[in-house]
């Protein structure tokens, strides 16, 4: 042990997400302690068994709960403007369709690099204050080579998890010419943008892109070294889930309208089903059948889907509460999905759990148990956040 390390003790309940460390799937340890140093977890266990001389600095959290930092594997935080009026109209009866994205495309193109960066940094800080320590960020509101490129630069300024969502919708200048837009994405946008991204995504949905168009974009991205993700089955039954599993996508996100065959395909593959209850809340869409997915053995993640049109929230605690109340997930399932599930959706093995060697990303709650995240919806329960061992 090192005198430069930090001991966090007095933990009322600790979620490790390691069943070998504690109770149940969450590996829950009561009256626990964690030693962190060099940016990683160095020791975890009951307070009564902390090694002598474990650390030079001690932080007593006085019975509060500690859990891994939330892993938000789906966000759209590089954009200009907002769509508050669209939201208000929707709340009074207007239907949601994919076309609203074009409003944000116009505002994003008009925004300066500095304005986009300031907004993205603000939202990332907001997410961090609510316990999120890993945040994926998508482009998709530029829709030109130049605007997608600068969106990638902005995203990379606040996150290591950057996704090229070149095919969000076809922009206005390509109205009625979706195939031409797809060809431009494949021939120009992906070659120019791929070196600065990790992931390639597509909105495979009625009003956005067809199965064939989506497959073309994803396979081109894969050929450029990007790993596929899919927006699928949000507004209707469709090919998104099937395509994601076929291509071995890391995740398929939304998964609101699924058939038995979709659930079976997910259960038999490696693709994570990422559920976005904030979007369903904000659009008054139906919620995904999380129980069917979980009972079939599908790996499920929860993410906030922060975007200006359909889920303008950075709060994973809010999404956990929605998942428990509206999707019939247990509190344990929802917390796992927002931590370890998100890590699986990003194919990360260094975050989403608290065991020796993992990155020291911890969230301290102003509550004795993780159950309070669902039990006390809307209450700001996150009191302290550590990222790579540093309090933020």
Protein backbone atom coordinates (compact mmCIF):
# COMPACT_ATOMS: atom_id res chain seq x y z
CA UNK A 1 0.00 0.00 0.00
CA UNK A 2 1.11 3.59 -0.57
CA UNK A 3 0.97 6.69 1.58
CA UNK A 4 -0.12 8.57 -1.51
CA UNK A 5 -3.31 6.57 -1.86
CA UNK A 6 -6.75 7.48 -0.50
CA UNK A 7 -8.99 5.39 1.74
CA UNK A 8 -12.72 5.98 1.39
CA UNK A 9 -14.47 4.35 4.31
CA UNK A 10 -17.62 4.64 6.37
CA UNK A 11 -19.50 3.46 3.26
CA UNK A 12 -22.99 2.34 4.28
CA UNK A 13 -23.38 0.19 1.18
CA UNK A 14 -20.97 -0.26 -1.71
CA UNK A 15 -22.02 -1.39 -5.20
CA UNK A 16 -19.06 -3.16 -6.78
CA UNK A 17 -20.88 -4.95 -9.64
CA UNK A 18 -18.66 -7.91 -8.81
CA UNK A 19 -20.65 -10.85 -7.35
CA UNK A 20 -17.39 -12.32 -6.04
CA UNK A 21 -16.96 -9.30 -3.78
CA UNK A 22 -20.41 -9.13 -2.22
CA UNK A 23 -24.13 -9.85 -2.34
CA UNK A 24 -26.06 -10.51 -5.54
CA UNK A 25 -25.40 -9.25 -9.02
CA UNK A 26 -24.36 -5.85 -7.66
CA UNK A 27 -21.71 -7.41 -5.41
CA UNK A 28 -23.06 -5.29 -2.56
CA UNK A 29 -20.83 -4.83 0.50
CA UNK A 30 -22.24 -3.21 3.62
CA UNK A 31 -20.04 -1.14 5.96
CA UNK A 32 -17.41 -1.06 3.23
CA UNK A 33 -14.22 0.71 2.22
CA UNK A 34 -12.31 1.39 -0.99
CA UNK A 35 -8.66 2.27 -1.44
CA UNK A 36 -7.86 4.28 -4.56
CA UNK A 37 -4.52 5.34 -5.95
CA UNK A 38 -2.77 5.98 -9.24
CA UNK A 39 -6.20 6.51 -10.79
CA UNK A 40 -7.38 2.96 -10.03
CA UNK A 41 -9.07 0.86 -7.37
CA UNK A 42 -6.34 -0.71 -5.22
CA UNK A 43 -8.46 -2.53 -2.63
CA UNK A 44 -12.15 -3.05 -1.86
CA UNK A 45 -13.89 -4.84 0.98
CA UNK A 46 -15.44 -4.51 4.46
CA UNK A 47 -14.20 -1.64 6.59
CA UNK A 48 -13.16 -4.12 9.29
CA UNK A 49 -10.62 -5.67 6.93
CA UNK A 50 -8.86 -2.59 5.57
CA UNK A 51 -5.13 -3.43 5.40
CA UNK A 52 -2.89 -1.60 7.86
CA UNK A 53 -1.33 1.51 6.37
CA UNK A 54 -3.67 1.29 3.40
CA UNK A 55 -3.45 4.95 2.50
CA UNK A 56 -2.21 8.33 3.60
CA UNK A 57 -5.52 10.17 3.14
CA UNK A 58 -8.83 9.09 4.65
CA UNK A 59 -12.29 10.18 3.55
CA UNK A 60 -15.17 9.14 5.82
CA UNK A 61 -18.45 9.24 3.89
CA UNK A 62 -20.44 8.68 7.09
CA UNK A 63 -22.76 5.90 6.02
CA UNK A 64 -23.47 7.10 2.49
CA UNK A 65 -23.78 4.74 -0.45
CA UNK A 66 -21.02 4.48 -3.05
CA UNK A 67 -21.36 3.00 -6.51
CA UNK A 68 -19.42 3.03 -9.78
CA UNK A 69 -19.66 6.21 -11.78
CA UNK A 70 -22.50 6.06 -14.27
CA UNK A 71 -21.57 5.09 -17.83
CA UNK A 72 -23.81 7.04 -20.20
CA UNK A 73 -23.35 5.27 -23.51
CA UNK A 74 -25.66 7.42 -25.64
CA UNK A 75 -25.72 11.20 -25.88
CA UNK A 76 -25.99 13.94 -28.52
CA UNK A 77 -24.43 16.88 -26.71
CA UNK A 78 -22.84 18.73 -29.66
CA UNK A 79 -25.56 21.00 -31.01
CA UNK A 80 -26.79 24.53 -31.36
CA UNK A 81 -30.11 26.00 -30.28
CA UNK A 82 -32.91 24.16 -28.54
CA UNK A 83 -36.34 22.80 -29.40
CA UNK A 84 -38.40 23.89 -26.40
CA UNK A 85 -41.27 25.03 -28.60
CA UNK A 86 -41.38 21.66 -30.35
CA UNK A 87 -41.49 19.97 -26.94
CA UNK A 88 -44.34 22.20 -25.81
CA UNK A 89 -46.28 21.44 -28.98
CA UNK A 90 -45.74 17.73 -28.52
CA UNK A 91 -47.05 17.93 -24.96
CA UNK A 92 -50.26 19.42 -26.32
CA UNK A 93 -50.81 16.77 -28.96
CA UNK A 94 -48.36 17.12 -31.84
CA UNK A 95 -46.83 13.82 -32.95
CA UNK A 96 -43.09 13.19 -32.87
CA UNK A 97 -41.28 12.28 -36.08
CA UNK A 98 -37.63 12.13 -37.06
CA UNK A 99 -37.90 15.37 -39.07
CA UNK A 100 -37.48 17.63 -36.04
CA UNK A 101 -33.77 16.87 -36.13
CA UNK A 102 -33.48 19.21 -39.13
CA UNK A 103 -34.21 22.18 -36.87
CA UNK A 104 -31.12 21.36 -34.84
CA UNK A 105 -29.06 20.81 -37.99
CA UNK A 106 -29.71 24.40 -39.03
CA UNK A 107 -28.84 25.78 -35.57
CA UNK A 108 -25.69 23.67 -35.32
CA UNK A 109 -24.40 24.74 -38.72
CA UNK A 110 -24.96 28.37 -37.73
CA UNK A 111 -23.19 28.04 -34.36
CA UNK A 112 -19.51 28.89 -33.93
CA UNK A 113 -17.00 26.29 -32.82
CA UNK A 114 -16.71 28.18 -29.53
CA UNK A 115 -20.45 28.11 -28.93
CA UNK A 116 -20.66 24.39 -29.67
CA UNK A 117 -17.71 23.67 -27.38
CA UNK A 118 -19.14 25.76 -24.54
CA UNK A 119 -22.50 24.01 -24.76
CA UNK A 120 -20.94 20.54 -24.89
CA UNK A 121 -18.71 21.35 -21.91
CA UNK A 122 -21.69 22.67 -19.96
CA UNK A 123 -23.70 19.52 -20.55
CA UNK A 124 -20.74 17.26 -19.75
CA UNK A 125 -20.24 19.10 -16.46
CA UNK A 126 -23.95 18.80 -15.73
CA UNK A 127 -23.79 15.04 -16.36
CA UNK A 128 -20.69 14.69 -14.17
CA UNK A 129 -22.40 16.50 -11.29
CA UNK A 130 -25.12 13.84 -11.48
CA UNK A 131 -22.65 10.98 -11.23
CA UNK A 132 -21.73 10.29 -14.85
CA UNK A 133 -18.01 9.63 -15.26
CA UNK A 134 -18.03 8.14 -18.78
CA UNK A 135 -20.01 9.89 -21.50
CA UNK A 136 -20.35 8.83 -25.12
CA UNK A 137 -21.00 11.73 -27.53
CA UNK A 138 -22.42 11.48 -31.05
CA UNK A 139 -22.23 13.90 -33.92
CA UNK A 140 -25.16 14.04 -36.32
CA UNK A 141 -26.36 17.64 -36.31
CA UNK A 142 -23.86 18.92 -38.87
CA UNK A 143 -24.54 16.67 -41.85
CA UNK A 144 -21.80 18.18 -44.02
CA UNK A 145 -18.20 17.03 -44.05
CA UNK A 146 -17.09 20.31 -42.49
CA UNK A 147 -19.78 20.41 -39.80
CA UNK A 148 -19.45 16.76 -38.85
CA UNK A 149 -15.67 17.22 -38.66
CA UNK A 150 -15.90 20.16 -36.31
CA UNK A 151 -18.55 18.36 -34.26
CA UNK A 152 -16.11 15.51 -33.81
CA UNK A 153 -13.44 17.95 -32.65
CA UNK A 154 -15.84 19.43 -30.10
CA UNK A 155 -16.90 16.00 -28.85
CA UNK A 156 -13.30 14.87 -28.51
CA UNK A 157 -12.67 17.89 -26.31
CA UNK A 158 -14.93 16.50 -23.60
CA UNK A 159 -14.99 12.72 -24.15
CA UNK A 160 -12.88 9.78 -25.25
CA UNK A 161 -15.99 8.03 -26.60
CA UNK A 162 -16.85 9.75 -29.87
CA UNK A 163 -19.36 8.46 -32.41
CA UNK A 164 -19.83 9.55 -36.02
CA UNK A 165 -23.58 9.63 -36.51
CA UNK A 166 -23.26 10.78 -40.10
CA UNK A 167 -26.60 9.20 -41.01
CA UNK A 168 -28.93 10.79 -38.47
CA UNK A 169 -31.42 12.00 -41.06
CA UNK A 170 -30.91 13.34 -44.57
CA UNK A 171 -30.45 17.13 -44.30
CA UNK A 172 -32.83 19.53 -46.08
CA UNK A 173 -30.64 19.97 -49.16
CA UNK A 174 -30.95 16.21 -49.76
CA UNK A 175 -34.73 16.09 -49.35
CA UNK A 176 -36.04 13.32 -51.58
CA UNK A 177 -32.48 12.22 -52.38
CA UNK A 178 -31.61 9.95 -49.48
CA UNK A 179 -29.54 7.63 -51.65
CA UNK A 180 -27.43 10.58 -52.78
CA UNK A 181 -26.87 11.59 -49.17
CA UNK A 182 -25.88 8.04 -48.22
CA UNK A 183 -23.41 8.01 -51.11
CA UNK A 184 -21.90 11.28 -49.86
CA UNK A 185 -21.59 9.89 -46.33
CA UNK A 186 -19.82 6.80 -47.64
CA UNK A 187 -17.60 8.48 -50.24
CA UNK A 188 -16.69 11.72 -48.46
CA UNK A 189 -17.80 12.00 -44.86
CA UNK A 190 -16.57 8.68 -43.47
CA UNK A 191 -13.10 8.93 -45.07
CA UNK A 192 -12.67 12.47 -43.74
CA UNK A 193 -14.06 11.83 -40.25
CA UNK A 194 -13.20 8.24 -39.36
CA UNK A 195 -9.70 8.96 -37.98
CA UNK A 196 -11.22 11.05 -35.18
CA UNK A 197 -14.00 8.68 -34.10
CA UNK A 198 -14.30 5.25 -32.54
CA UNK A 199 -17.88 4.39 -33.50
CA UNK A 200 -20.18 4.63 -36.52
CA UNK A 201 -23.92 4.98 -35.93
CA UNK A 202 -27.05 5.23 -38.07
CA UNK A 203 -30.73 5.95 -37.45
CA UNK A 204 -32.41 2.92 -39.00
CA UNK A 205 -36.02 4.04 -38.83
CA UNK A 206 -38.98 5.09 -40.94
CA UNK A 207 -38.38 8.74 -41.79
CA UNK A 208 -34.62 8.32 -41.42
CA UNK A 209 -32.77 5.49 -43.23
CA UNK A 210 -33.85 2.12 -44.60
CA UNK A 211 -32.27 -1.20 -43.76
CA UNK A 212 -30.29 -1.20 -47.00
CA UNK A 213 -29.09 2.37 -46.56
CA UNK A 214 -28.19 1.73 -42.94
CA UNK A 215 -26.24 -1.41 -43.80
CA UNK A 216 -24.30 0.51 -46.45
CA UNK A 217 -23.31 3.25 -44.00
CA UNK A 218 -22.34 0.83 -41.24
CA UNK A 219 -20.29 -1.46 -43.46
CA UNK A 220 -18.45 1.54 -44.90
CA UNK A 221 -17.70 2.72 -41.40
CA UNK A 222 -16.50 -0.71 -40.39
CA UNK A 223 -14.21 -0.81 -43.43
CA UNK A 224 -12.72 2.47 -42.17
CA UNK A 225 -12.03 0.93 -38.75
CA UNK A 226 -15.09 2.15 -36.87
CA UNK A 227 -17.24 -0.07 -34.65
CA UNK A 228 -20.98 -0.07 -35.39
CA UNK A 229 -23.82 1.14 -33.20
CA UNK A 230 -27.46 1.47 -34.28
CA UNK A 231 -30.43 3.67 -33.43
CA UNK A 232 -33.21 1.17 -34.01
CA UNK A 233 -36.85 0.30 -33.39
CA UNK A 234 -37.62 3.62 -31.69
CA UNK A 235 -40.77 4.66 -33.52
CA UNK A 236 -41.95 1.42 -35.10
CA UNK A 237 -41.17 -2.23 -35.65
CA UNK A 238 -38.32 -2.44 -38.12
CA UNK A 239 -34.95 -3.80 -39.11
CA UNK A 240 -32.73 -1.96 -36.63
CA UNK A 241 -32.35 -4.72 -34.06
CA UNK A 242 -31.89 -7.41 -36.70
CA UNK A 243 -29.28 -5.35 -38.55
CA UNK A 244 -27.36 -4.56 -35.35
CA UNK A 245 -27.12 -8.21 -34.38
CA UNK A 246 -26.22 -9.25 -37.92
CA UNK A 247 -23.28 -6.82 -38.02
CA UNK A 248 -22.17 -7.49 -34.45
CA UNK A 249 -22.89 -3.91 -33.37
CA UNK A 250 -21.80 -2.97 -29.87
CA UNK A 251 -25.31 -1.76 -29.10
CA UNK A 252 -28.71 -1.09 -30.56
CA UNK A 253 -30.36 1.85 -28.88
CA UNK A 254 -34.01 2.65 -28.10
CA UNK A 255 -35.35 -0.89 -28.78
CA UNK A 256 -38.88 0.30 -28.06
CA UNK A 257 -40.77 -1.79 -30.63
CA UNK A 258 -39.51 -5.37 -30.60
CA UNK A 259 -40.84 -8.70 -31.74
CA UNK A 260 -40.14 -12.05 -30.13
CA UNK A 261 -37.64 -12.66 -32.92
CA UNK A 262 -35.83 -9.41 -32.09
CA UNK A 263 -35.53 -10.39 -28.44
CA UNK A 264 -34.34 -13.87 -29.39
CA UNK A 265 -31.73 -12.41 -31.74
CA UNK A 266 -30.39 -10.08 -29.03
CA UNK A 267 -30.27 -12.90 -26.52
CA UNK A 268 -28.24 -15.02 -28.93
CA UNK A 269 -25.79 -12.29 -29.89
CA UNK A 270 -23.33 -9.91 -28.27
CA UNK A 271 -25.17 -6.67 -29.02
CA UNK A 272 -26.28 -4.70 -25.96
CA UNK A 273 -29.82 -3.33 -25.87
CA UNK A 274 -29.50 0.27 -24.70
CA UNK A 275 -32.77 1.65 -23.36
CA UNK A 276 -33.43 5.39 -23.34
CA UNK A 277 -36.43 6.05 -21.11
CA UNK A 278 -35.86 9.81 -21.14
CA UNK A 279 -36.74 9.83 -24.83
CA UNK A 280 -39.92 7.84 -24.29
CA UNK A 281 -40.86 10.14 -21.41
CA UNK A 282 -40.28 13.26 -23.52
CA UNK A 283 -42.11 11.99 -26.60
CA UNK A 284 -44.92 10.17 -24.79
CA UNK A 285 -43.88 7.10 -26.70
CA UNK A 286 -44.42 3.70 -25.19
CA UNK A 287 -41.58 2.35 -23.06
CA UNK A 288 -39.49 -0.65 -24.11
CA UNK A 289 -40.38 -4.06 -22.73
CA UNK A 290 -37.34 -4.26 -20.47
CA UNK A 291 -38.72 -7.29 -18.68
CA UNK A 292 -38.87 -9.35 -21.87
CA UNK A 293 -35.27 -8.41 -22.68
CA UNK A 294 -33.93 -9.11 -19.19
CA UNK A 295 -35.87 -12.34 -18.77
CA UNK A 296 -34.44 -13.56 -22.09
CA UNK A 297 -30.89 -12.90 -20.89
CA UNK A 298 -30.21 -9.82 -23.04
CA UNK A 299 -27.54 -7.45 -21.74
CA UNK A 300 -29.33 -4.16 -21.07
CA UNK A 301 -27.85 -0.67 -20.65
CA UNK A 302 -29.55 2.55 -19.59
CA UNK A 303 -28.50 5.89 -21.04
CA UNK A 304 -29.82 9.45 -20.92
CA UNK A 305 -29.88 10.21 -24.68
CA UNK A 306 -29.27 13.90 -23.96
CA UNK A 307 -30.39 15.81 -27.05
CA UNK A 308 -32.33 19.03 -27.63
CA UNK A 309 -35.37 17.47 -29.24
CA UNK A 310 -36.49 14.34 -27.47
CA UNK A 311 -34.58 13.86 -24.21
CA UNK A 312 -33.04 17.08 -22.96
CA UNK A 313 -31.67 15.56 -19.77
CA UNK A 314 -28.23 14.52 -18.57
CA UNK A 315 -29.59 12.80 -15.47
CA UNK A 316 -28.92 9.09 -15.22
CA UNK A 317 -30.63 9.04 -11.78
CA UNK A 318 -33.79 10.29 -13.49
CA UNK A 319 -33.49 7.52 -16.08
CA UNK A 320 -33.00 4.92 -13.35
CA UNK A 321 -36.19 6.10 -11.66
CA UNK A 322 -38.08 5.92 -14.96
CA UNK A 323 -36.74 2.44 -15.68
CA UNK A 324 -37.93 1.17 -12.32
CA UNK A 325 -41.31 2.90 -12.39
CA UNK A 326 -42.23 2.60 -16.07
CA UNK A 327 -40.24 -0.38 -17.39
CA UNK A 328 -40.60 -2.68 -14.38
CA UNK A 329 -36.88 -3.06 -13.84
CA UNK A 330 -35.79 -3.68 -10.27
CA UNK A 331 -33.60 -0.99 -8.69
CA UNK A 332 -30.67 -3.42 -8.81
CA UNK A 333 -31.23 -4.11 -12.52
CA UNK A 334 -31.49 -0.42 -13.32
CA UNK A 335 -28.32 0.51 -11.43
CA UNK A 336 -26.40 -2.34 -13.08
CA UNK A 337 -27.67 -1.25 -16.50
CA UNK A 338 -26.54 2.35 -15.89
CA UNK A 339 -23.04 1.28 -14.84
CA UNK A 340 -21.87 -2.15 -15.98
CA UNK A 341 -24.45 -2.24 -18.78
CA UNK A 342 -23.24 1.07 -20.16
CA UNK A 343 -19.66 -0.18 -19.99
CA UNK A 344 -20.67 -3.26 -21.98
CA UNK A 345 -22.34 -1.05 -24.58
CA UNK A 346 -19.04 0.80 -24.99
CA UNK A 347 -17.01 -2.42 -24.79
CA UNK A 348 -15.12 -0.98 -21.84
CA UNK A 349 -13.57 -3.32 -19.27
CA UNK A 350 -12.05 -0.58 -17.10
CA UNK A 351 -15.23 1.18 -15.96
CA UNK A 352 -18.69 0.24 -14.69
CA UNK A 353 -17.49 -1.74 -11.66
CA UNK A 354 -15.36 -1.26 -8.56
CA UNK A 355 -12.79 -4.00 -8.24
CA UNK A 356 -9.04 -4.00 -8.06
CA UNK A 357 -7.48 -2.59 -11.21
CA UNK A 358 -10.60 -0.78 -12.46
CA UNK A 359 -10.50 2.95 -13.03
CA UNK A 360 -11.40 4.71 -9.78
CA UNK A 361 -14.69 6.24 -10.94
CA UNK A 362 -16.98 6.51 -7.92
CA UNK A 363 -20.27 8.22 -7.17
CA UNK A 364 -21.18 9.00 -3.55
CA UNK A 365 -24.89 9.39 -2.81
CA UNK A 366 -26.54 11.55 -0.19
CA UNK A 367 -28.37 8.39 0.81
CA UNK A 368 -27.56 5.10 2.59
CA UNK A 369 -28.38 2.87 -0.39
CA UNK A 370 -28.50 2.83 -4.19
CA UNK A 371 -32.21 2.04 -3.80
CA UNK A 372 -32.81 5.73 -3.14
CA UNK A 373 -32.06 6.54 -6.78
CA UNK A 374 -35.50 5.13 -7.64
CA UNK A 375 -37.07 5.64 -4.23
CA UNK A 376 -36.49 9.43 -4.25
CA UNK A 377 -36.99 10.51 -7.87
CA UNK A 378 -36.07 14.06 -8.76
CA UNK A 379 -33.98 14.60 -5.63
CA UNK A 380 -30.30 15.58 -6.22
CA UNK A 381 -28.73 12.61 -4.45
CA UNK A 382 -25.20 12.70 -5.90
CA UNK A 383 -22.96 14.38 -3.34
CA UNK A 384 -19.42 13.60 -4.57
CA UNK A 385 -17.94 12.26 -7.78
CA UNK A 386 -14.46 10.80 -8.31
CA UNK A 387 -13.07 10.27 -11.80
CA UNK A 388 -9.85 8.27 -12.12
CA UNK A 389 -9.41 8.80 -8.38
CA UNK A 390 -9.72 12.58 -8.51
CA UNK A 391 -12.71 14.35 -6.98
CA UNK A 392 -14.39 16.45 -9.64
